[in-house]
C-alpha atoms as a PDB file:
ATOM      1  CA  UNK A   1     -55.398-108.459 -54.416  1.00  0.00           C
ATOM      2  CA  UNK A   2     -57.187-107.118 -51.412  1.00  0.00           C
ATOM      3  CA  UNK A   3     -60.051-104.667 -51.082  1.00  0.00           C
ATOM      4  CA  UNK A   4     -61.043-103.701 -47.565  1.00  0.00           C
ATOM      5  CA  UNK A   5     -61.690-101.036 -45.042  1.00  0.00           C
ATOM      6  CA  UNK A   6     -58.900 -98.512 -44.317  1.00  0.00           C
ATOM      7  CA  UNK A   7     -57.757 -99.480 -40.808  1.00  0.00           C
ATOM      8  CA  UNK A   8     -56.413 -96.097 -39.800  1.00  0.00           C
ATOM      9  CA  UNK A   9     -59.795 -94.590 -40.639  1.00  0.00           C
ATOM     10  CA  UNK A  10     -61.536 -97.250 -38.604  1.00  0.00           C
ATOM     11  CA  UNK A  11     -59.312 -96.589 -35.591  1.00  0.00           C
ATOM     12  CA  UNK A  12     -59.875 -92.852 -35.860  1.00  0.00           C
ATOM     13  CA  UNK A  13     -63.677 -93.318 -35.901  1.00  0.00           C
ATOM     14  CA  UNK A  14     -63.451 -95.760 -32.979  1.00  0.00           C
ATOM     15  CA  UNK A  15     -61.455 -93.184 -31.044  1.00  0.00           C
ATOM     16  CA  UNK A  16     -64.173 -90.597 -31.681  1.00  0.00           C
ATOM     17  CA  UNK A  17     -66.794 -92.992 -30.304  1.00  0.00           C
ATOM     18  CA  UNK A  18     -64.711 -93.686 -27.216  1.00  0.00           C
ATOM     19  CA  UNK A  19     -64.393 -89.966 -26.726  1.00  0.00           C
ATOM     20  CA  UNK A  20     -68.192 -89.534 -26.854  1.00  0.00           C
ATOM     21  CA  UNK A  21     -68.579 -92.324 -24.235  1.00  0.00           C
ATOM     22  CA  UNK A  22     -65.951 -90.799 -21.946  1.00  0.00           C
ATOM     23  CA  UNK A  23     -67.796 -87.450 -22.183  1.00  0.00           C
ATOM     24  CA  UNK A  24     -70.954 -89.118 -20.886  1.00  0.00           C
ATOM     25  CA  UNK A  25     -72.844 -90.390 -23.918  1.00  0.00           C
ATOM     26  CA  UNK A  26     -74.623 -93.654 -23.454  1.00  0.00           C
ATOM     27  CA  UNK A  27     -73.150 -96.413 -25.684  1.00  0.00           C
ATOM     28  CA  UNK A  28     -76.650 -97.477 -26.686  1.00  0.00           C
ATOM     29  CA  UNK A  29     -77.448 -93.991 -27.961  1.00  0.00           C
ATOM     30  CA  UNK A  30     -74.412 -93.880 -30.332  1.00  0.00           C
ATOM     31  CA  UNK A  31     -75.347 -95.114 -33.838  1.00  0.00           C
ATOM     32  CA  UNK A  32     -73.520 -98.039 -35.389  1.00  0.00           C
ATOM     33  CA  UNK A  33     -71.243 -96.942 -38.198  1.00  0.00           C
ATOM     34  CA  UNK A  34     -69.915 -98.740 -41.265  1.00  0.00           C
ATOM     35  CA  UNK A  35     -66.611 -98.102 -42.997  1.00  0.00           C
ATOM     36  CA  UNK A  36     -66.630 -95.308 -45.555  1.00  0.00           C
ATOM     37  CA  UNK A  37     -63.080 -95.478 -46.805  1.00  0.00           C
ATOM     38  CA  UNK A  38     -61.681 -98.549 -48.586  1.00  0.00           C
ATOM     39  CA  UNK A  39     -58.245 -99.481 -49.900  1.00  0.00           C
ATOM     40  CA  UNK A  40     -57.272-101.588 -52.889  1.00  0.00           C
ATOM     41  CA  UNK A  41     -53.882-103.394 -52.664  1.00  0.00           C
ATOM     42  CA  UNK A  42     -52.406-105.494 -55.486  1.00  0.00           C
ATOM     43  CA  UNK A  43     -49.459-107.842 -55.106  1.00  0.00           C
ATOM     44  CA  UNK A  44     -47.815-108.067 -58.529  1.00  0.00           C
ATOM     45  CA  UNK A  45     -45.231-110.652 -57.414  1.00  0.00           C
ATOM     46  CA  UNK A  46     -47.931-113.139 -56.549  1.00  0.00           C
ATOM     47  CA  UNK A  47     -49.943-112.282 -59.648  1.00  0.00           C
ATOM     48  CA  UNK A  48     -46.921-113.019 -61.843  1.00  0.00           C
ATOM     49  CA  UNK A  49     -46.214-116.276 -59.986  1.00  0.00           C
ATOM     50  CA  UNK A  50     -49.824-117.395 -60.639  1.00  0.00           C
ATOM     51  CA  UNK A  51     -49.635-116.256 -64.290  1.00  0.00           C
ATOM     52  CA  UNK A  52     -52.192-113.508 -63.830  1.00  0.00           C
ATOM     53  CA  UNK A  53     -51.975-110.318 -65.840  1.00  0.00           C
ATOM     54  CA  UNK A  54     -53.314-107.285 -63.913  1.00  0.00           C
ATOM     55  CA  UNK A  55     -54.832-104.630 -66.188  1.00  0.00           C
ATOM     56  CA  UNK A  56     -53.188-101.197 -66.135  1.00  0.00           C
ATOM     57  CA  UNK A  57     -56.492 -99.581 -65.209  1.00  0.00           C
ATOM     58  CA  UNK A  58     -56.548-101.630 -61.963  1.00  0.00           C
ATOM     59  CA  UNK A  59     -52.941-100.709 -61.184  1.00  0.00           C
ATOM     60  CA  UNK A  60     -53.752 -97.021 -61.536  1.00  0.00           C
ATOM     61  CA  UNK A  61     -56.778 -97.365 -59.255  1.00  0.00           C
ATOM     62  CA  UNK A  62     -54.883 -99.267 -56.516  1.00  0.00           C
ATOM     63  CA  UNK A  63     -53.949 -97.534 -53.322  1.00  0.00           C
ATOM     64  CA  UNK A  64     -50.905 -99.824 -52.940  1.00  0.00           C
ATOM     65  CA  UNK A  65     -49.027-101.958 -55.444  1.00  0.00           C
ATOM     66  CA  UNK A  66     -46.598-104.525 -54.073  1.00  0.00           C
ATOM     67  CA  UNK A  67     -43.805-105.422 -56.516  1.00  0.00           C
END
C-alpha cells in the first residue's frame, strides 16, 4: 500500500512556478507550496502473498488497485 503525493499534480504546479520565474518573478518572492492532492494505491497480489486481508472500504477508497 502506498499513500503519497500525486506526481502529475506536482509537476503541473512546478511548471506554473517556472512560468512565473520566466516571466520575471523573483524566486525568493514565490511562496513554498505543499502537495494538495494525494493518491492511495493498494497491491492486492502482495497483500495476499503476505496473508493480509484488505478491507473492502479501503479498496473502494483507493485510487489504484493492483491485482
